Amino acid sequence: MIRKFALGCLLFLAGIVCLAQQEQAGAFWQSRDSNYNLSVSGGGGGGSLSLDGTATGSGAASPINTGTLTTAAGSGVIVACAISNTTVSSVAATGLTFTLRTSYGGGAAFSNAYEYTAPYTTNFSGAVTFNLGGTNTTDVMAFAIGNAKTLSYFDPNVALPATSTGGAASVTTSNAKDFIFGCANMAANTGNTAGSGWTLIANSAFLMGEYRIVSATQSGLALTATTGTISGSIADAIESQ
């Protein structure tokens, strides 16, 4: 009887030890698995949208080069805007491929306006070249949007890109997290400043750029100028990663 009792006690104690070991093992593997969870986001490093560099230029003879545009975000989209009394046939830069997004003719101060874009997946430093179809006054600007998508990067709203040949274009978006910008043909070539709620990108004589970064969809958001008159404009929106 004593032997049976002792054996039963040993088996009972062994069961407790085994249960404790199982609980410890379960906690270990749960902790181990939590340390190996991976999160993958497409299009780049997942940083916040930013203005990642600007450069401007002006002239009449083709080609027109901007100053050096240098980025730091690592990826994003470069926008190249021009207003001209002739045509812009293409835009180029070393290692980048620019595509025409939109253009219009018949603007007030300058007859033509253009928006080209090119994604970058490594930092860029260099001039952006605008090739003209003729010889006439042309103001150009290039700026980088850091941490934007590098594929399918335009806000998909059917109202974009927005253009106006006689004033300020308005933006309506479908995506909440956008970099909204405008390239404005100004009535005067000095003293132009961005409107309330907008931040100046740069001035290049009669061409003014401004932007705002939003976290909610927009409806009818118009470009504005605190100083100066917008005679025509292009407005667009590019999505965050």
C-alpha atoms as a PDB file:
ATOM      1  CA  MET A   1       0.000   0.000   0.000  1.00  0.00           C
ATOM      2  CA  ILE A   2       2.814   2.432   0.901  1.00  0.00           C
ATOM      3  CA  ARG A   3       4.610   1.654  -2.347  1.00  0.00           C
ATOM      4  CA  LYS A   4       1.447   2.321  -4.389  1.00  0.00           C
ATOM      5  CA  PHE A   5       0.902   5.614  -2.544  1.00  0.00           C
ATOM      6  CA  ALA A   6       4.505   6.727  -3.153  1.00  0.00           C
ATOM      7  CA  LEU A   7       4.277   5.797  -6.833  1.00  0.00           C
ATOM      8  CA  GLY A   8       1.039   7.777  -7.163  1.00  0.00           C
ATOM      9  CA  CYS A   9       2.652  10.837  -5.583  1.00  0.00           C
ATOM     10  CA  LEU A  10       5.602  10.640  -7.955  1.00  0.00           C
ATOM     11  CA  LEU A  11       3.310  10.404 -10.978  1.00  0.00           C
ATOM     12  CA  PHE A  12       1.244  13.356  -9.714  1.00  0.00           C
ATOM     13  CA  LEU A  13       4.370  15.512  -9.210  1.00  0.00           C
ATOM     14  CA  ALA A  14       5.701  14.553 -12.639  1.00  0.00           C
ATOM     15  CA  GLY A  15       2.442  15.678 -14.204  1.00  0.00           C
ATOM     16  CA  ILE A  16       2.721  19.092 -12.551  1.00  0.00           C
ATOM     17  CA  VAL A  17       6.312  19.511 -13.744  1.00  0.00           C
ATOM     18  CA  CYS A  18       5.359  18.485 -17.295  1.00  0.00           C
ATOM     19  CA  LEU A  19       2.442  20.962 -17.366  1.00  0.00           C
ATOM     20  CA  ALA A  20       4.710  23.776 -16.172  1.00  0.00           C
ATOM     21  CA  GLN A  21       7.261  22.956 -18.841  1.00  0.00           C
ATOM     22  CA  GLN A  22       4.554  23.000 -21.526  1.00  0.00           C
ATOM     23  CA  GLU A  23       3.394  26.456 -20.377  1.00  0.00           C
ATOM     24  CA  GLN A  24       6.962  27.761 -20.429  1.00  0.00           C
ATOM     25  CA  ALA A  25       7.531  26.345 -23.908  1.00  0.00           C
ATOM     26  CA  GLY A  26       4.313  27.899 -25.183  1.00  0.00           C
ATOM     27  CA  ALA A  27       5.298  31.310 -23.825  1.00  0.00           C
ATOM     28  CA  PHE A  28       8.741  31.007 -25.402  1.00  0.00           C
ATOM     29  CA  TRP A  29       7.393  30.207 -28.878  1.00  0.00           C
ATOM     30  CA  GLN A  30       4.750  32.918 -28.644  1.00  0.00           C
ATOM     31  CA  SER A  31       7.433  35.458 -27.739  1.00  0.00           C
ATOM     32  CA  ARG A  32       9.723  34.145 -30.468  1.00  0.00           C
ATOM     33  CA  ASP A  33       7.012  34.382 -33.121  1.00  0.00           C
ATOM     34  CA  SER A  34       6.095  37.941 -32.107  1.00  0.00           C
ATOM     35  CA  ASN A  35       9.692  38.991 -32.667  1.00  0.00           C
ATOM     36  CA  TYR A  36       9.580  37.748 -36.251  1.00  0.00           C
ATOM     37  CA  ASN A  37       6.406  39.472 -37.467  1.00  0.00           C
ATOM     38  CA  LEU A  38       7.118  41.319 -40.728  1.00  0.00           C
ATOM     39  CA  SER A  39       5.369  44.340 -42.201  1.00  0.00           C
ATOM     40  CA  VAL A  40       5.912  45.117 -45.872  1.00  0.00           C
ATOM     41  CA  SER A  41       4.789  48.339 -47.539  1.00  0.00           C
ATOM     42  CA  GLY A  42       5.043  48.890 -51.258  1.00  0.00           C
ATOM     43  CA  GLY A  43       6.658  51.753 -53.119  1.00  0.00           C
ATOM     44  CA  GLY A  44       9.505  52.695 -50.789  1.00  0.00           C
ATOM     45  CA  GLY A  45      10.578  53.273 -47.219  1.00  0.00           C
ATOM     46  CA  GLY A  46       7.239  54.330 -45.763  1.00  0.00           C
ATOM     47  CA  GLY A  47       8.305  57.845 -44.690  1.00  0.00           C
ATOM     48  CA  SER A  48       6.154  60.949 -44.723  1.00  0.00           C
ATOM     49  CA  LEU A  49       5.517  62.992 -47.827  1.00  0.00           C
ATOM     50  CA  SER A  50       7.868  65.941 -48.170  1.00  0.00           C
ATOM     51  CA  LEU A  51       9.234  68.522 -50.557  1.00  0.00           C
ATOM     52  CA  ASP A  52      12.542  66.827 -51.332  1.00  0.00           C
ATOM     53  CA  GLY A  53      14.353  69.472 -53.382  1.00  0.00           C
ATOM     54  CA  THR A  54      13.739  72.208 -55.944  1.00  0.00           C
ATOM     55  CA  ALA A  55      15.516  73.755 -58.932  1.00  0.00           C
ATOM     56  CA  THR A  56      14.538  76.426 -61.443  1.00  0.00           C
ATOM     57  CA  GLY A  57      15.632  77.881 -64.760  1.00  0.00           C
ATOM     58  CA  SER A  58      14.634  80.400 -67.391  1.00  0.00           C
ATOM     59  CA  GLY A  59      15.630  81.278 -70.939  1.00  0.00           C
ATOM     60  CA  ALA A  60      14.622  81.329 -74.574  1.00  0.00           C
ATOM     61  CA  ALA A  61      17.063  79.042 -76.379  1.00  0.00           C
ATOM     62  CA  SER A  62      16.667  75.264 -76.261  1.00  0.00           C
ATOM     63  CA  PRO A  63      17.537  73.378 -74.171  1.00  0.00           C
ATOM     64  CA  ILE A  64      16.892  75.031 -70.821  1.00  0.00           C
ATOM     65  CA  ASN A  65      18.513  73.410 -67.793  1.00  0.00           C
ATOM     66  CA  THR A  66      17.483  73.904 -64.217  1.00  0.00           C
ATOM     67  CA  GLY A  67      20.040  74.305 -61.501  1.00  0.00           C
ATOM     68  CA  THR A  68      21.058  71.172 -59.609  1.00  0.00           C
ATOM     69  CA  LEU A  69      18.138  69.323 -58.048  1.00  0.00           C
ATOM     70  CA  THR A  70      19.239  67.121 -55.140  1.00  0.00           C
ATOM     71  CA  THR A  71      16.983  64.674 -53.296  1.00  0.00           C
ATOM     72  CA  ALA A  72      17.448  63.040 -49.897  1.00  0.00           C
ATOM     73  CA  ALA A  73      14.329  60.913 -49.256  1.00  0.00           C
ATOM     74  CA  GLY A  74      15.575  57.963 -51.334  1.00  0.00           C
ATOM     75  CA  SER A  75      12.442  57.609 -53.446  1.00  0.00           C
ATOM     76  CA  GLY A  76       9.532  59.614 -54.739  1.00  0.00           C
ATOM     77  CA  VAL A  77       8.430  61.556 -57.803  1.00  0.00           C
ATOM     78  CA  ILE A  78      10.044  64.511 -59.575  1.00  0.00           C
ATOM     79  CA  VAL A  79       7.674  67.008 -61.157  1.00  0.00           C
ATOM     80  CA  ALA A  80       8.844  69.267 -63.988  1.00  0.00           C
ATOM     81  CA  CYS A  81       6.696  72.288 -64.860  1.00  0.00           C
ATOM     82  CA  ALA A  82       7.135  74.881 -67.591  1.00  0.00           C
ATOM     83  CA  ILE A  83       5.344  77.909 -68.963  1.00  0.00           C
ATOM     84  CA  SER A  84       6.435  79.006 -72.392  1.00  0.00           C
ATOM     85  CA  ASN A  85       5.708  81.120 -75.442  1.00  0.00           C
ATOM     86  CA  THR A  86       6.867  78.175 -77.514  1.00  0.00           C
ATOM     87  CA  THR A  87       6.378  74.425 -77.049  1.00  0.00           C
ATOM     88  CA  VAL A  88       8.178  71.994 -74.753  1.00  0.00           C
ATOM     89  CA  SER A  89       8.877  68.828 -76.711  1.00  0.00           C
ATOM     90  CA  SER A  90      10.392  66.721 -73.913  1.00  0.00           C
ATOM     91  CA  VAL A  91      12.019  66.729 -70.482  1.00  0.00           C
ATOM     92  CA  ALA A  92      15.049  64.664 -69.541  1.00  0.00           C
ATOM     93  CA  ALA A  93      17.538  64.025 -66.744  1.00  0.00           C
ATOM     94  CA  THR A  94      20.269  61.468 -66.208  1.00  0.00           C
ATOM     95  CA  GLY A  95      18.790  58.197 -64.911  1.00  0.00           C
ATOM     96  CA  LEU A  96      15.185  59.415 -65.047  1.00  0.00           C
ATOM     97  CA  THR A  97      12.357  58.951 -67.519  1.00  0.00           C
ATOM     98  CA  PHE A  98       9.917  61.829 -67.727  1.00  0.00           C
ATOM     99  CA  THR A  99       6.387  61.426 -69.042  1.00  0.00           C
ATOM    100  CA  LEU A 100       4.035  64.220 -70.033  1.00  0.00           C
ATOM    101  CA  ARG A 101       1.157  64.380 -67.558  1.00  0.00           C
ATOM    102  CA  THR A 102      -0.754  67.322 -69.017  1.00  0.00           C
ATOM    103  CA  SER A 103      -0.423  70.590 -70.895  1.00  0.00           C
ATOM    104  CA  TYR A 104      -2.537  73.447 -72.125  1.00  0.00           C
ATOM    105  CA  GLY A 105      -2.321  76.242 -74.697  1.00  0.00           C
ATOM    106  CA  GLY A 106      -3.840  79.681 -74.681  1.00  0.00           C
ATOM    107  CA  GLY A 107      -2.723  80.879 -71.264  1.00  0.00           C
ATOM    108  CA  ALA A 108      -2.801  84.593 -70.482  1.00  0.00           C
ATOM    109  CA  ALA A 109       0.806  85.593 -69.757  1.00  0.00           C
ATOM    110  CA  PHE A 110       2.396  82.598 -71.514  1.00  0.00           C
ATOM    111  CA  SER A 111       0.734  80.645 -74.295  1.00  0.00           C
ATOM    112  CA  ASN A 112       1.625  77.113 -73.099  1.00  0.00           C
ATOM    113  CA  ALA A 113       2.016  75.249 -69.819  1.00  0.00           C
ATOM    114  CA  TYR A 114       3.329  71.739 -69.133  1.00  0.00           C
ATOM    115  CA  GLU A 115       3.590  69.152 -66.366  1.00  0.00           C
ATOM    116  CA  TYR A 116       5.971  66.192 -66.680  1.00  0.00           C
ATOM    117  CA  THR A 117       6.775  63.622 -63.984  1.00  0.00           C
ATOM    118  CA  ALA A 118       9.413  60.964 -63.323  1.00  0.00           C
ATOM    119  CA  PRO A 119       9.699  58.547 -60.387  1.00  0.00           C
ATOM    120  CA  TYR A 120      13.022  58.046 -58.614  1.00  0.00           C
ATOM    121  CA  THR A 121      13.972  55.010 -56.518  1.00  0.00           C
ATOM    122  CA  THR A 122      17.458  56.208 -55.521  1.00  0.00           C
ATOM    123  CA  ASN A 123      18.493  59.731 -54.658  1.00  0.00           C
ATOM    124  CA  PHE A 124      18.995  62.038 -57.619  1.00  0.00           C
ATOM    125  CA  SER A 125      21.372  64.952 -58.055  1.00  0.00           C
ATOM    126  CA  GLY A 126      21.597  66.825 -61.326  1.00  0.00           C
ATOM    127  CA  ALA A 127      19.950  69.236 -63.718  1.00  0.00           C
ATOM    128  CA  VAL A 128      16.594  68.683 -65.386  1.00  0.00           C
ATOM    129  CA  THR A 129      16.598  69.566 -69.092  1.00  0.00           C
ATOM    130  CA  PHE A 130      13.638  71.044 -70.975  1.00  0.00           C
ATOM    131  CA  ASN A 131      13.827  70.657 -74.742  1.00  0.00           C
ATOM    132  CA  LEU A 132      11.912  73.328 -76.633  1.00  0.00           C
ATOM    133  CA  GLY A 133      10.210  73.163 -79.992  1.00  0.00           C
ATOM    134  CA  GLY A 134      11.179  76.745 -80.801  1.00  0.00           C
ATOM    135  CA  THR A 135      12.974  79.792 -79.445  1.00  0.00           C
ATOM    136  CA  ASN A 136      10.992  81.951 -77.040  1.00  0.00           C
ATOM    137  CA  THR A 137      10.749  82.913 -73.378  1.00  0.00           C
ATOM    138  CA  THR A 138      10.325  79.883 -71.118  1.00  0.00           C
ATOM    139  CA  ASP A 139      10.331  79.561 -67.313  1.00  0.00           C
ATOM    140  CA  VAL A 140      10.884  76.110 -65.817  1.00  0.00           C
ATOM    141  CA  MET A 141      10.864  74.416 -62.433  1.00  0.00           C
ATOM    142  CA  ALA A 142      11.592  70.926 -61.130  1.00  0.00           C
ATOM    143  CA  PHE A 143      10.838  69.679 -57.633  1.00  0.00           C
ATOM    144  CA  ALA A 144      10.920  66.334 -55.867  1.00  0.00           C
ATOM    145  CA  ILE A 145       8.147  64.829 -53.747  1.00  0.00           C
ATOM    146  CA  GLY A 146       9.840  62.556 -51.236  1.00  0.00           C
ATOM    147  CA  ASN A 147       8.222  59.307 -50.070  1.00  0.00           C
ATOM    148  CA  ALA A 148       5.560  59.370 -52.763  1.00  0.00           C
ATOM    149  CA  LYS A 149       4.533  56.195 -54.525  1.00  0.00           C
ATOM    150  CA  THR A 150       6.818  55.363 -57.437  1.00  0.00           C
ATOM    151  CA  LEU A 151       4.223  53.318 -59.319  1.00  0.00           C
ATOM    152  CA  SER A 152       0.647  54.448 -60.061  1.00  0.00           C
ATOM    153  CA  TYR A 153       1.380  57.537 -58.027  1.00  0.00           C
ATOM    154  CA  PHE A 154      -1.294  59.980 -59.194  1.00  0.00           C
ATOM    155  CA  ASP A 155      -4.436  60.460 -57.153  1.00  0.00           C
ATOM    156  CA  PRO A 156      -7.050  58.612 -59.273  1.00  0.00           C
ATOM    157  CA  ASN A 157      -9.754  61.264 -59.138  1.00  0.00           C
ATOM    158  CA  VAL A 158     -11.168  61.828 -62.618  1.00  0.00           C
ATOM    159  CA  ALA A 159     -10.910  65.609 -62.165  1.00  0.00           C
ATOM    160  CA  LEU A 160      -7.105  65.386 -62.092  1.00  0.00           C
ATOM    161  CA  PRO A 161      -4.953  66.835 -63.414  1.00  0.00           C
ATOM    162  CA  ALA A 162      -6.770  70.167 -63.235  1.00  0.00           C
ATOM    163  CA  THR A 163      -5.968  73.047 -65.572  1.00  0.00           C
ATOM    164  CA  SER A 164      -7.139  76.605 -66.034  1.00  0.00           C
ATOM    165  CA  THR A 165      -6.067  78.873 -68.888  1.00  0.00           C
ATOM    166  CA  GLY A 166      -7.435  81.981 -67.188  1.00  0.00           C
ATOM    167  CA  GLY A 167      -6.875  81.673 -63.451  1.00  0.00           C
ATOM    168  CA  ALA A 168      -6.530  79.271 -60.551  1.00  0.00           C
ATOM    169  CA  ALA A 169      -7.171  75.557 -61.037  1.00  0.00           C
ATOM    170  CA  SER A 170      -9.013  73.607 -58.325  1.00  0.00           C
ATOM    171  CA  VAL A 171      -8.222  70.152 -56.968  1.00  0.00           C
ATOM    172  CA  THR A 172     -10.621  67.383 -55.959  1.00  0.00           C
ATOM    173  CA  THR A 173      -9.052  64.178 -54.648  1.00  0.00           C
ATOM    174  CA  SER A 174     -10.067  60.600 -53.922  1.00  0.00           C
ATOM    175  CA  ASN A 175      -7.081  59.617 -51.772  1.00  0.00           C
ATOM    176  CA  ALA A 176      -6.655  61.044 -48.274  1.00  0.00           C
ATOM    177  CA  LYS A 177      -2.860  61.250 -48.034  1.00  0.00           C
ATOM    178  CA  ASP A 178      -1.714  63.381 -50.941  1.00  0.00           C
ATOM    179  CA  PHE A 179       0.906  65.917 -51.919  1.00  0.00           C
ATOM    180  CA  ILE A 180      -1.163  68.539 -53.743  1.00  0.00           C
ATOM    181  CA  PHE A 181       0.677  71.065 -55.879  1.00  0.00           C
ATOM    182  CA  GLY A 182       0.137  73.785 -58.405  1.00  0.00           C
ATOM    183  CA  CYS A 183       2.274  75.307 -61.134  1.00  0.00           C
ATOM    184  CA  ALA A 184       0.919  78.789 -61.713  1.00  0.00           C
ATOM    185  CA  ASN A 185       1.432  81.197 -64.606  1.00  0.00           C
ATOM    186  CA  MET A 186       1.688  84.544 -62.810  1.00  0.00           C
ATOM    187  CA  ALA A 187       0.821  87.971 -64.208  1.00  0.00           C
ATOM    188  CA  ALA A 188       4.102  89.478 -62.935  1.00  0.00           C
ATOM    189  CA  ASN A 189       7.587  88.017 -62.697  1.00  0.00           C
ATOM    190  CA  THR A 190       8.522  89.245 -59.213  1.00  0.00           C
ATOM    191  CA  GLY A 191       7.065  89.271 -55.710  1.00  0.00           C
ATOM    192  CA  ASN A 192       4.768  86.257 -56.075  1.00  0.00           C
ATOM    193  CA  THR A 193       3.953  84.390 -52.847  1.00  0.00           C
ATOM    194  CA  ALA A 194       1.911  81.280 -52.052  1.00  0.00           C
ATOM    195  CA  GLY A 195      -1.648  81.604 -50.848  1.00  0.00           C
ATOM    196  CA  SER A 196      -2.983  80.943 -47.360  1.00  0.00           C
ATOM    197  CA  GLY A 197      -2.625  77.280 -46.441  1.00  0.00           C
ATOM    198  CA  TRP A 198      -0.136  76.719 -49.252  1.00  0.00           C
ATOM    199  CA  THR A 199       3.658  76.585 -49.064  1.00  0.00           C
ATOM    200  CA  LEU A 200       5.880  78.078 -51.737  1.00  0.00           C
ATOM    201  CA  ILE A 201       7.868  75.566 -53.786  1.00  0.00           C
ATOM    202  CA  ALA A 202       9.810  78.152 -55.767  1.00  0.00           C
ATOM    203  CA  ASN A 203       9.510  81.105 -58.114  1.00  0.00           C
ATOM    204  CA  SER A 204      10.999  81.128 -61.599  1.00  0.00           C
ATOM    205  CA  ALA A 205      10.150  84.546 -63.062  1.00  0.00           C
ATOM    206  CA  PHE A 206       6.485  84.211 -64.151  1.00  0.00           C
ATOM    207  CA  LEU A 207       6.186  80.605 -62.866  1.00  0.00           C
ATOM    208  CA  MET A 208       5.239  79.985 -59.215  1.00  0.00           C
ATOM    209  CA  GLY A 209       4.930  76.590 -57.537  1.00  0.00           C
ATOM    210  CA  GLU A 210       3.055  75.913 -54.314  1.00  0.00           C
ATOM    211  CA  TYR A 211       2.003  72.822 -52.381  1.00  0.00           C
ATOM    212  CA  ARG A 212       0.210  71.431 -49.384  1.00  0.00           C
ATOM    213  CA  ILE A 213       0.296  67.973 -47.782  1.00  0.00           C
ATOM    214  CA  VAL A 214      -3.120  66.691 -46.722  1.00  0.00           C
ATOM    215  CA  SER A 215      -4.493  63.789 -44.702  1.00  0.00           C
ATOM    216  CA  ALA A 216      -8.108  63.998 -45.889  1.00  0.00           C
ATOM    217  CA  THR A 217      -9.756  64.076 -49.298  1.00  0.00           C
ATOM    218  CA  GLN A 218     -10.263  67.517 -50.829  1.00  0.00           C
ATOM    219  CA  SER A 219     -13.081  68.991 -52.898  1.00  0.00           C
ATOM    220  CA  GLY A 220     -12.654  72.125 -54.984  1.00  0.00           C
ATOM    221  CA  LEU A 221      -9.391  73.177 -53.329  1.00  0.00           C
ATOM    222  CA  ALA A 222      -8.224  76.179 -55.364  1.00  0.00           C
ATOM    223  CA  LEU A 223      -4.704  77.449 -55.890  1.00  0.00           C
ATOM    224  CA  THR A 224      -4.242  80.914 -54.430  1.00  0.00           C
ATOM    225  CA  ALA A 225      -1.576  83.591 -54.189  1.00  0.00           C
ATOM    226  CA  THR A 226      -1.135  85.966 -51.277  1.00  0.00           C
ATOM    227  CA  THR A 227       0.823  88.322 -53.505  1.00  0.00           C
ATOM    228  CA  GLY A 228       0.442  88.248 -57.284  1.00  0.00           C
ATOM    229  CA  THR A 229      -2.258  87.212 -59.731  1.00  0.00           C
ATOM    230  CA  ILE A 230      -2.637  83.701 -61.143  1.00  0.00           C
ATOM    231  CA  SER A 231      -3.231  83.994 -64.888  1.00  0.00           C
ATOM    232  CA  GLY A 232      -3.346  80.255 -65.621  1.00  0.00           C
ATOM    233  CA  SER A 233      -2.349  77.081 -63.825  1.00  0.00           C
ATOM    234  CA  ILE A 234      -1.989  73.326 -63.563  1.00  0.00           C
ATOM    235  CA  ALA A 235      -2.830  71.533 -60.323  1.00  0.00           C
ATOM    236  CA  ASP A 236      -2.373  67.882 -59.436  1.00  0.00           C
ATOM    237  CA  ALA A 237      -2.030  65.426 -56.539  1.00  0.00           C
ATOM    238  CA  ILE A 238       0.387  62.571 -55.892  1.00  0.00           C
ATOM    239  CA  GLU A 239      -0.192  59.827 -53.359  1.00  0.00           C
ATOM    240  CA  SER A 240       1.853  58.875 -50.337  1.00  0.00           C
ATOM    241  CA  GLN A 241       3.527  55.471 -50.168  1.00  0.00           C
END
